[in-house]
């Protein structure tokens, strides 16, 4: 094929191209771009390699005339779509959950609260969480606090004890005091309320790759953050160090100010109005000055 033929074919395609075709290609390109990010460093990555190996084996056996192997591989690939849905079920579920909790998904389906309601509910809760974590840290009292966001944590809540308590330093102190029945587990907060205590959290996906120095609370925090968009706060009973797990990543060495800023930014992330943020932050600082 000459360069002129290639040019003519290209111009022919361009001349018949419509706007809907551009959208079609753009969506497909985005899906192809996101697919490696979805399967990277997960079990799905190894499964994809196995599927590609089967496809390559099919073409090679067909080229060499290996009829029996070609038939077996063809039958295997014919049910490949169903097999992929079954094998990739955890990854597909996680991807759909992530799509549902994006800002676009929240706005489309009308989920969440407006800024005024959210501010009224979470302002005192954030203050109570930060004050409690500082006091628990000072006494090296272990604590595990889960702040629920868009992904509901009904499965974990069912494993604990329902409290429906208003958060305060005293309440958190009583829950996590070592000799109380509720201290061994996680507190789950919803809409600024301590909904349940002594809840069991899922294990992390790659438990063997986590630092061996981290205890069960930190591992549970990482596991919970991998399975949801929750903010998970951990106070170490060995060092008193305050840590936060989000999106499967654990960050450590939080001070009260750093923890408060993180919670404000994450819980009120939809409130991008600088006037709102200025008002909210100044409100928090004024409360601390009065104390």
Protein backbone atom coordinates (compact mmCIF):
# COMPACT_ATOMS: atom_id res chain seq x y z
CA UNK A 1 0.00 0.00 0.00
CA UNK A 2 1.44 3.36 -1.05
CA UNK A 3 1.51 6.55 1.01
CA UNK A 4 -1.18 7.99 -1.28
CA UNK A 5 -3.49 5.04 -0.53
CA UNK A 6 -2.91 5.49 3.20
CA UNK A 7 -3.60 9.21 2.91
CA UNK A 8 -6.80 8.62 0.94
CA UNK A 9 -8.00 6.03 3.45
CA UNK A 10 -7.28 8.41 6.34
CA UNK A 11 -9.14 11.30 4.67
CA UNK A 12 -12.05 8.97 3.91
CA UNK A 13 -12.32 8.03 7.60
CA UNK A 14 -12.08 11.67 8.69
CA UNK A 15 -14.77 12.76 6.22
CA UNK A 16 -17.27 10.24 7.62
CA UNK A 17 -16.39 10.94 11.27
CA UNK A 18 -19.21 12.35 13.39
CA UNK A 19 -19.27 13.92 16.84
CA UNK A 20 -20.80 10.82 18.42
CA UNK A 21 -17.90 8.77 17.04
CA UNK A 22 -15.43 11.05 18.84
CA UNK A 23 -17.31 10.56 22.11
CA UNK A 24 -17.37 6.79 21.50
CA UNK A 25 -13.59 6.65 20.97
CA UNK A 26 -12.91 8.96 23.93
CA UNK A 27 -14.92 6.74 26.31
CA UNK A 28 -13.18 3.62 25.04
CA UNK A 29 -9.75 5.28 25.42
CA UNK A 30 -10.60 6.29 29.00
CA UNK A 31 -11.66 2.73 29.86
CA UNK A 32 -8.45 1.33 28.39
CA UNK A 33 -6.48 3.96 30.34
CA UNK A 34 -8.20 3.14 33.64
CA UNK A 35 -8.03 -0.66 33.30
CA UNK A 36 -4.30 -0.98 34.14
CA UNK A 37 -4.77 1.34 37.12
CA UNK A 38 -7.59 -0.87 38.37
CA UNK A 39 -5.68 -4.13 38.20
CA UNK A 40 -2.23 -2.81 39.12
CA UNK A 41 -0.77 -4.48 42.23
CA UNK A 42 -3.85 -6.65 42.73
CA UNK A 43 -4.64 -10.30 42.20
CA UNK A 44 -6.30 -9.30 38.94
CA UNK A 45 -2.91 -8.38 37.48
CA UNK A 46 -1.73 -11.96 37.70
CA UNK A 47 -5.02 -13.25 36.31
CA UNK A 48 -4.72 -10.96 33.27
CA UNK A 49 -1.25 -12.37 32.61
CA UNK A 50 -2.70 -15.88 32.75
CA UNK A 51 -5.46 -14.98 30.28
CA UNK A 52 -2.95 -13.41 27.88
CA UNK A 53 -0.88 -16.60 28.16
CA UNK A 54 -3.93 -18.67 27.15
CA UNK A 55 -4.66 -16.39 24.17
CA UNK A 56 -1.05 -16.61 23.00
CA UNK A 57 -1.14 -20.40 23.44
CA UNK A 58 -4.31 -20.60 21.31
CA UNK A 59 -2.78 -18.70 18.38
CA UNK A 60 0.49 -20.65 18.58
CA UNK A 61 -1.24 -24.05 18.74
CA UNK A 62 -3.56 -23.04 15.87
CA UNK A 63 -0.56 -21.93 13.78
CA UNK A 64 1.29 -25.22 14.48
CA UNK A 65 -1.79 -27.30 13.74
CA UNK A 66 -2.16 -28.77 17.25
CA UNK A 67 -5.86 -29.56 16.92
CA UNK A 68 -6.53 -31.02 20.38
CA UNK A 69 -4.82 -28.20 22.29
CA UNK A 70 -6.42 -25.61 19.97
CA UNK A 71 -9.89 -27.08 20.66
CA UNK A 72 -9.36 -27.12 24.44
CA UNK A 73 -8.08 -23.53 24.48
CA UNK A 74 -10.93 -22.38 22.22
CA UNK A 75 -13.53 -23.87 24.56
CA UNK A 76 -11.77 -22.25 27.52
CA UNK A 77 -11.76 -18.82 25.87
CA UNK A 78 -15.42 -19.16 24.80
CA UNK A 79 -16.48 -19.04 28.46
CA UNK A 80 -13.81 -16.46 29.27
CA UNK A 81 -16.26 -13.60 29.89
CA UNK A 82 -18.17 -15.50 32.58
CA UNK A 83 -14.91 -16.73 34.07
CA UNK A 84 -13.52 -13.17 34.19
CA UNK A 85 -16.63 -11.89 36.00
CA UNK A 86 -16.24 -14.64 38.60
CA UNK A 87 -12.47 -14.27 38.98
CA UNK A 88 -12.47 -10.47 39.02
CA UNK A 89 -15.51 -10.12 41.29
CA UNK A 90 -13.63 -8.34 44.14
CA UNK A 91 -11.94 -5.94 41.71
CA UNK A 92 -15.18 -5.23 39.81
CA UNK A 93 -17.01 -4.58 43.06
CA UNK A 94 -14.30 -2.21 44.23
CA UNK A 95 -14.33 -0.35 40.90
CA UNK A 96 -18.11 0.07 40.96
CA UNK A 97 -18.00 1.28 44.56
CA UNK A 98 -15.30 3.80 43.63
CA UNK A 99 -17.39 5.05 40.71
CA UNK A 100 -20.44 5.39 42.92
CA UNK A 101 -18.66 7.46 45.55
CA UNK A 102 -17.06 9.96 43.18
CA UNK A 103 -18.34 13.52 43.33
CA UNK A 104 -20.10 13.02 40.00
CA UNK A 105 -21.84 9.88 41.24
CA UNK A 106 -22.85 11.55 44.48
CA UNK A 107 -24.35 14.52 42.63
CA UNK A 108 -26.16 12.39 40.04
CA UNK A 109 -27.89 10.21 42.63
CA UNK A 110 -28.38 12.96 45.18
CA UNK A 111 -26.40 11.27 47.94
CA UNK A 112 -24.89 13.05 50.91
CA UNK A 113 -25.87 16.13 52.85
CA UNK A 114 -25.69 19.77 52.00
CA UNK A 115 -22.92 21.88 53.49
CA UNK A 116 -25.01 23.47 56.25
CA UNK A 117 -26.29 20.13 57.55
CA UNK A 118 -22.87 18.52 57.32
CA UNK A 119 -21.22 21.43 59.14
CA UNK A 120 -23.74 21.39 61.97
CA UNK A 121 -23.40 17.63 62.43
CA UNK A 122 -19.63 17.21 62.11
CA UNK A 123 -18.21 20.35 63.78
CA UNK A 124 -18.62 19.07 67.36
CA UNK A 125 -17.80 15.49 66.30
CA UNK A 126 -14.43 16.50 64.83
CA UNK A 127 -13.58 18.44 67.98
CA UNK A 128 -14.49 15.41 70.14
CA UNK A 129 -12.45 13.01 67.98
CA UNK A 130 -9.34 15.20 68.07
CA UNK A 131 -9.57 15.90 71.81
CA UNK A 132 -10.13 12.22 72.55
CA UNK A 133 -7.24 11.03 70.39
CA UNK A 134 -4.86 13.44 72.12
CA UNK A 135 -5.90 12.23 75.59
CA UNK A 136 -5.80 8.56 74.58
CA UNK A 137 -2.38 9.13 73.02
CA UNK A 138 -1.05 10.70 76.22
CA UNK A 139 -2.02 7.60 78.23
CA UNK A 140 -1.06 5.10 75.47
CA UNK A 141 -4.62 3.80 75.35
CA UNK A 142 -5.32 1.92 72.13
CA UNK A 143 -8.19 3.20 70.00
CA UNK A 144 -9.71 2.56 66.58
CA UNK A 145 -12.22 5.08 65.18
CA UNK A 146 -13.88 4.69 61.78
CA UNK A 147 -15.53 7.73 60.17
CA UNK A 148 -18.07 6.48 57.65
CA UNK A 149 -18.47 8.48 54.43
CA UNK A 150 -20.30 7.52 51.22
CA UNK A 151 -19.78 3.74 51.47
CA UNK A 152 -22.08 2.32 54.13
CA UNK A 153 -20.50 -0.02 56.66
CA UNK A 154 -23.54 -2.07 57.61
CA UNK A 155 -21.64 -5.38 57.60
CA UNK A 156 -19.13 -4.09 60.13
CA UNK A 157 -21.78 -2.33 62.25
CA UNK A 158 -23.69 -5.61 62.63
CA UNK A 159 -20.65 -7.21 64.31
CA UNK A 160 -20.60 -4.60 67.08
CA UNK A 161 -22.86 -3.06 69.71
CA UNK A 162 -25.21 -0.24 68.69
CA UNK A 163 -24.77 2.87 70.85
CA UNK A 164 -26.16 5.93 69.00
CA UNK A 165 -24.14 8.11 71.37
CA UNK A 166 -23.10 11.74 71.07
CA UNK A 167 -19.27 11.83 70.75
CA UNK A 168 -17.24 13.33 73.57
CA UNK A 169 -13.91 12.80 75.32
CA UNK A 170 -15.67 11.02 78.15
CA UNK A 171 -17.57 8.63 75.89
CA UNK A 172 -14.49 7.70 73.86
CA UNK A 173 -12.50 7.31 77.07
CA UNK A 174 -15.06 4.90 78.53
CA UNK A 175 -15.30 2.86 75.33
CA UNK A 176 -11.54 2.37 74.91
CA UNK A 177 -10.68 1.93 78.58
CA UNK A 178 -8.87 -1.46 78.61
CA UNK A 179 -11.13 -3.13 81.16
CA UNK A 180 -14.44 -2.34 79.48
CA UNK A 181 -16.29 -4.87 77.25
CA UNK A 182 -16.30 -2.51 74.24
CA UNK A 183 -12.62 -1.58 74.09
CA UNK A 184 -11.56 -4.50 71.88
CA UNK A 185 -12.81 -3.41 68.47
CA UNK A 186 -13.59 -0.34 66.40
CA UNK A 187 -15.96 2.57 66.92
CA UNK A 188 -17.92 3.42 63.77
CA UNK A 189 -19.26 6.95 63.37
CA UNK A 190 -22.06 7.94 61.02
CA UNK A 191 -23.47 11.45 60.58
CA UNK A 192 -21.42 12.76 63.50
CA UNK A 193 -22.76 10.13 65.93
CA UNK A 194 -21.04 7.13 67.53
CA UNK A 195 -23.25 4.53 65.91
CA UNK A 196 -21.57 1.33 67.13
CA UNK A 197 -18.60 0.07 69.14
CA UNK A 198 -16.62 -3.18 69.40
CA UNK A 199 -16.95 -3.71 65.64
CA UNK A 200 -14.75 -6.14 63.73
CA UNK A 201 -13.01 -4.81 60.62
CA UNK A 202 -11.82 -6.74 57.54
CA UNK A 203 -8.22 -7.86 57.15
CA UNK A 204 -6.01 -6.09 54.60
CA UNK A 205 -5.70 -7.71 51.17
CA UNK A 206 -1.91 -8.05 51.37
CA UNK A 207 -1.45 -8.72 55.06
CA UNK A 208 1.92 -10.40 54.54
CA UNK A 209 3.36 -7.25 52.93
CA UNK A 210 2.50 -4.94 55.84
CA UNK A 211 5.23 -3.92 58.27
CA UNK A 212 5.51 -6.63 60.94
CA UNK A 213 5.81 -3.96 63.63
CA UNK A 214 2.24 -2.83 63.07
CA UNK A 215 -0.30 -4.35 65.44
CA UNK A 216 -3.80 -5.69 64.85
CA UNK A 217 -5.44 -2.25 65.10
CA UNK A 218 -3.26 -0.78 62.36
CA UNK A 219 -3.83 -3.82 60.13
CA UNK A 220 -7.58 -3.60 60.65
CA UNK A 221 -7.47 0.11 59.82
CA UNK A 222 -5.67 -0.57 56.54
CA UNK A 223 -8.12 -3.37 55.68
CA UNK A 224 -11.13 -1.14 56.35
CA UNK A 225 -9.69 1.69 54.24
CA UNK A 226 -9.07 -0.74 51.35
CA UNK A 227 -12.70 -1.84 51.35
CA UNK A 228 -14.32 1.58 51.70
CA UNK A 229 -13.76 5.32 51.55
CA UNK A 230 -13.81 5.57 55.35
CA UNK A 231 -11.30 7.58 57.39
CA UNK A 232 -9.83 5.25 60.02
CA UNK A 233 -7.99 6.74 63.00
CA UNK A 234 -5.69 4.59 65.14
CA UNK A 235 -4.08 5.33 68.49
CA UNK A 236 -1.26 2.91 69.31
CA UNK A 237 -1.34 1.37 72.79
CA UNK A 238 2.43 0.81 72.61
CA UNK A 239 3.67 4.26 71.59
CA UNK A 240 0.58 6.46 71.78
CA UNK A 241 1.19 7.46 68.17
CA UNK A 242 -1.82 8.69 66.18
CA UNK A 243 -2.18 7.27 62.65
CA UNK A 244 -4.77 7.55 59.88
CA UNK A 245 -5.61 5.00 57.18
CA UNK A 246 -7.24 6.08 53.91
CA UNK A 247 -7.50 4.29 50.57
CA UNK A 248 -5.31 1.45 51.81
CA UNK A 249 -2.48 3.75 52.95
CA UNK A 250 -1.45 4.37 56.55
CA UNK A 251 0.10 7.71 57.53
CA UNK A 252 1.52 8.29 61.00
CA UNK A 253 2.72 10.89 63.52
CA UNK A 254 -0.42 13.03 63.65
CA UNK A 255 -0.70 15.97 66.03
CA UNK A 256 -4.05 17.39 67.09
CA UNK A 257 -3.82 20.22 64.57
CA UNK A 258 -2.78 17.92 61.73
CA UNK A 259 -5.58 15.44 62.51
CA UNK A 260 -8.18 18.19 62.74
CA UNK A 261 -7.11 19.68 59.42
CA UNK A 262 -7.27 16.27 57.73
CA UNK A 263 -10.77 15.55 59.03
CA UNK A 264 -12.00 19.00 58.02
CA UNK A 265 -10.58 18.68 54.52
CA UNK A 266 -11.91 15.16 53.94
CA UNK A 267 -15.33 15.41 55.56
CA UNK A 268 -16.03 18.81 54.05
CA UNK A 269 -14.27 18.14 50.73
CA UNK A 270 -17.38 19.06 48.73
CA UNK A 271 -17.46 22.50 50.31
CA UNK A 272 -14.91 24.20 48.08
CA UNK A 273 -16.17 27.69 48.78
CA UNK A 274 -13.21 29.58 50.34
CA UNK A 275 -15.62 31.73 52.39
CA UNK A 276 -17.12 28.59 53.92
CA UNK A 277 -13.69 27.11 54.69
CA UNK A 278 -12.45 30.36 56.23
CA UNK A 279 -15.54 30.60 58.39
CA UNK A 280 -15.31 26.96 59.47
CA UNK A 281 -11.59 27.02 60.29
CA UNK A 282 -11.91 30.27 62.24
CA UNK A 283 -14.82 28.77 64.16
CA UNK A 284 -12.65 25.83 65.23
CA UNK A 285 -9.78 28.06 66.32
CA UNK A 286 -12.12 30.32 68.31
CA UNK A 287 -13.51 27.30 70.15
CA UNK A 288 -10.02 26.16 71.10
CA UNK A 289 -9.11 29.66 72.34
CA UNK A 290 -12.18 29.72 74.57
CA UNK A 291 -11.13 26.37 76.06
